[in-house]
Amino acid sequence: MLLWCSPFLACLCLFSNSCFWLLLNFSLMFSLFL
């Protein structure tokens, strides 16, 4: 999935992926409280 990322952009890709999962988990938890 992130094979196109060069070693120089590895941290940026991991950061973006972490933010994506963080937002996804937040949206899922938020939907459970509705």
PDB file of N, CA and C in Angstrom:
ATOM      1  N   MET A   1       0.839  -1.205   0.000  1.00  0.00           N
ATOM      2  CA  MET A   1       0.000   0.000   0.000  1.00  0.00           C
ATOM      3  C   MET A   1       0.875   1.257   0.000  1.00  0.00           C
ATOM      4  N   LEU A   2       1.935   1.216   0.808  1.00  0.00           N
ATOM      5  CA  LEU A   2       2.827   2.376   0.897  1.00  0.00           C
ATOM      6  C   LEU A   2       4.157   2.095   0.216  1.00  0.00           C
ATOM      7  N   LEU A   3       4.157   1.168  -0.742  1.00  0.00           N
ATOM      8  CA  LEU A   3       5.401   0.799  -1.421  1.00  0.00           C
ATOM      9  C   LEU A   3       5.940   1.937  -2.265  1.00  0.00           C
ATOM     10  N   TRP A   4       5.070   2.870  -2.680  1.00  0.00           N
ATOM     11  CA  TRP A   4       5.516   3.982  -3.526  1.00  0.00           C
ATOM     12  C   TRP A   4       6.282   5.027  -2.725  1.00  0.00           C
ATOM     13  N   CYS A   5       6.252   4.912  -1.385  1.00  0.00           N
ATOM     14  CA  CYS A   5       6.942   5.897  -0.543  1.00  0.00           C
ATOM     15  C   CYS A   5       8.436   5.627  -0.534  1.00  0.00           C
ATOM     16  N   SER A   6       9.198   6.660  -0.766  1.00  0.00           N
ATOM     17  CA  SER A   6      10.652   6.532  -0.691  1.00  0.00           C
ATOM     18  C   SER A   6      11.076   6.584   0.774  1.00  0.00           C
ATOM     19  N   PRO A   7      12.265   6.084   1.102  1.00  0.00           N
ATOM     20  CA  PRO A   7      12.745   6.114   2.499  1.00  0.00           C
ATOM     21  C   PRO A   7      12.705   7.518   3.099  1.00  0.00           C
ATOM     22  N   PHE A   8      12.887   8.525   2.239  1.00  0.00           N
ATOM     23  CA  PHE A   8      12.878   9.905   2.723  1.00  0.00           C
ATOM     24  C   PHE A   8      11.486  10.314   3.183  1.00  0.00           C
ATOM     25  N   LEU A   9      10.446   9.725   2.570  1.00  0.00           N
ATOM     26  CA  LEU A   9       9.064  10.063   2.916  1.00  0.00           C
ATOM     27  C   LEU A   9       8.428   9.015   3.821  1.00  0.00           C
ATOM     28  N   ALA A  10       9.240   8.097   4.322  1.00  0.00           N
ATOM     29  CA  ALA A  10       8.701   7.012   5.142  1.00  0.00           C
ATOM     30  C   ALA A  10       7.993   7.549   6.388  1.00  0.00           C
ATOM     31  N   CYS A  11       8.622   8.505   7.082  1.00  0.00           N
ATOM     32  CA  CYS A  11       8.019   9.072   8.291  1.00  0.00           C
ATOM     33  C   CYS A  11       6.713   9.780   7.963  1.00  0.00           C
ATOM     34  N   LEU A  12       6.695  10.498   6.844  1.00  0.00           N
ATOM     35  CA  LEU A  12       5.490  11.218   6.455  1.00  0.00           C
ATOM     36  C   LEU A  12       4.363  10.250   6.147  1.00  0.00           C
ATOM     37  N   CYS A  13       4.677   9.159   5.463  1.00  0.00           N
ATOM     38  CA  CYS A  13       3.656   8.168   5.117  1.00  0.00           C
ATOM     39  C   CYS A  13       3.124   7.479   6.366  1.00  0.00           C
ATOM     40  N   LEU A  14       4.022   7.129   7.278  1.00  0.00           N
ATOM     41  CA  LEU A  14       3.599   6.481   8.515  1.00  0.00           C
ATOM     42  C   LEU A  14       2.748   7.430   9.348  1.00  0.00           C
ATOM     43  N   PHE A  15       3.122   8.709   9.348  1.00  0.00           N
ATOM     44  CA  PHE A  15       2.363   9.706  10.092  1.00  0.00           C
ATOM     45  C   PHE A  15       0.967   9.857   9.506  1.00  0.00           C
ATOM     46  N   SER A  16       0.882   9.881   8.164  1.00  0.00           N
ATOM     47  CA  SER A  16      -0.409  10.020   7.503  1.00  0.00           C
ATOM     48  C   SER A  16      -1.271   8.793   7.765  1.00  0.00           C
ATOM     49  N   ASN A  17      -0.654   7.616   7.731  1.00  0.00           N
ATOM     50  CA  ASN A  17      -1.389   6.382   7.967  1.00  0.00           C
ATOM     51  C   ASN A  17      -1.901   6.330   9.406  1.00  0.00           C
ATOM     52  N   SER A  18      -1.067   6.795  10.350  1.00  0.00           N
ATOM     53  CA  SER A  18      -1.471   6.811  11.752  1.00  0.00           C
ATOM     54  C   SER A  18      -2.633   7.771  11.961  1.00  0.00           C
ATOM     55  N   CYS A  19      -2.559   8.945  11.318  1.00  0.00           N
ATOM     56  CA  CYS A  19      -3.639   9.921  11.437  1.00  0.00           C
ATOM     57  C   CYS A  19      -4.920   9.365  10.835  1.00  0.00           C
ATOM     58  N   PHE A  20      -4.788   8.623   9.730  1.00  0.00           N
ATOM     59  CA  PHE A  20      -5.957   8.032   9.084  1.00  0.00           C
ATOM     60  C   PHE A  20      -6.656   7.052  10.013  1.00  0.00           C
ATOM     61  N   TRP A  21      -5.889   6.165  10.637  1.00  0.00           N
ATOM     62  CA  TRP A  21      -6.477   5.187  11.544  1.00  0.00           C
ATOM     63  C   TRP A  21      -6.999   5.850  12.811  1.00  0.00           C
ATOM     64  N   LEU A  22      -6.337   6.923  13.245  1.00  0.00           N
ATOM     65  CA  LEU A  22      -6.794   7.640  14.427  1.00  0.00           C
ATOM     66  C   LEU A  22      -8.156   8.274  14.170  1.00  0.00           C
ATOM     67  N   LEU A  23      -8.310   8.902  12.988  1.00  0.00           N
ATOM     68  CA  LEU A  23      -9.587   9.506  12.632  1.00  0.00           C
ATOM     69  C   LEU A  23     -10.649   8.439  12.430  1.00  0.00           C
ATOM     70  N   LEU A  24     -10.255   7.305  11.849  1.00  0.00           N
ATOM     71  CA  LEU A  24     -11.207   6.223  11.615  1.00  0.00           C
ATOM     72  C   LEU A  24     -11.711   5.658  12.935  1.00  0.00           C
ATOM     73  N   ASN A  25     -10.800   5.409  13.864  1.00  0.00           N
ATOM     74  CA  ASN A  25     -11.188   4.896  15.178  1.00  0.00           C
ATOM     75  C   ASN A  25     -12.043   5.908  15.928  1.00  0.00           C
ATOM     76  N   PHE A  26     -11.713   7.183  15.814  1.00  0.00           N
ATOM     77  CA  PHE A  26     -12.484   8.224  16.481  1.00  0.00           C
ATOM     78  C   PHE A  26     -13.905   8.279  15.936  1.00  0.00           C
ATOM     79  N   SER A  27     -14.032   8.168  14.613  1.00  0.00           N
ATOM     80  CA  SER A  27     -15.359   8.208  13.994  1.00  0.00           C
ATOM     81  C   SER A  27     -16.170   6.982  14.404  1.00  0.00           C
ATOM     82  N   LEU A  28     -15.520   5.840  14.526  1.00  0.00           N
ATOM     83  CA  LEU A  28     -16.227   4.625  14.936  1.00  0.00           C
ATOM     84  C   LEU A  28     -16.699   4.736  16.381  1.00  0.00           C
ATOM     85  N   MET A  29     -15.847   5.237  17.259  1.00  0.00           N
ATOM     86  CA  MET A  29     -16.239   5.395  18.660  1.00  0.00           C
ATOM     87  C   MET A  29     -17.337   6.439  18.793  1.00  0.00           C
ATOM     88  N   PHE A  30     -17.249   7.500  17.982  1.00  0.00           N
ATOM     89  CA  PHE A  30     -18.259   8.550  18.031  1.00  0.00           C
ATOM     90  C   PHE A  30     -19.612   8.013  17.576  1.00  0.00           C
ATOM     91  N   SER A  31     -19.591   7.132  16.566  1.00  0.00           N
ATOM     92  CA  SER A  31     -20.844   6.574  16.052  1.00  0.00           C
ATOM     93  C   SER A  31     -21.479   5.635  17.080  1.00  0.00           C
ATOM     94  N   LEU A  32     -20.666   5.018  17.927  1.00  0.00           N
ATOM     95  CA  LEU A  32     -21.198   4.112  18.941  1.00  0.00           C
ATOM     96  C   LEU A  32     -21.961   4.873  20.020  1.00  0.00           C
ATOM     97  N   PHE A  33     -21.592   6.128  20.242  1.00  0.00           N
ATOM     98  CA  PHE A  33     -22.248   6.919  21.281  1.00  0.00           C
ATOM     99  C   PHE A  33     -23.504   7.613  20.784  1.00  0.00           C
ATOM    100  N   LEU A  34     -23.763   7.563  19.486  1.00  0.00           N
ATOM    101  CA  LEU A  34     -24.962   8.220  18.955  1.00  0.00           C
ATOM    102  C   LEU A  34     -26.193   7.354  19.177  1.00  0.00           C
TER     103      LEU A  34
END
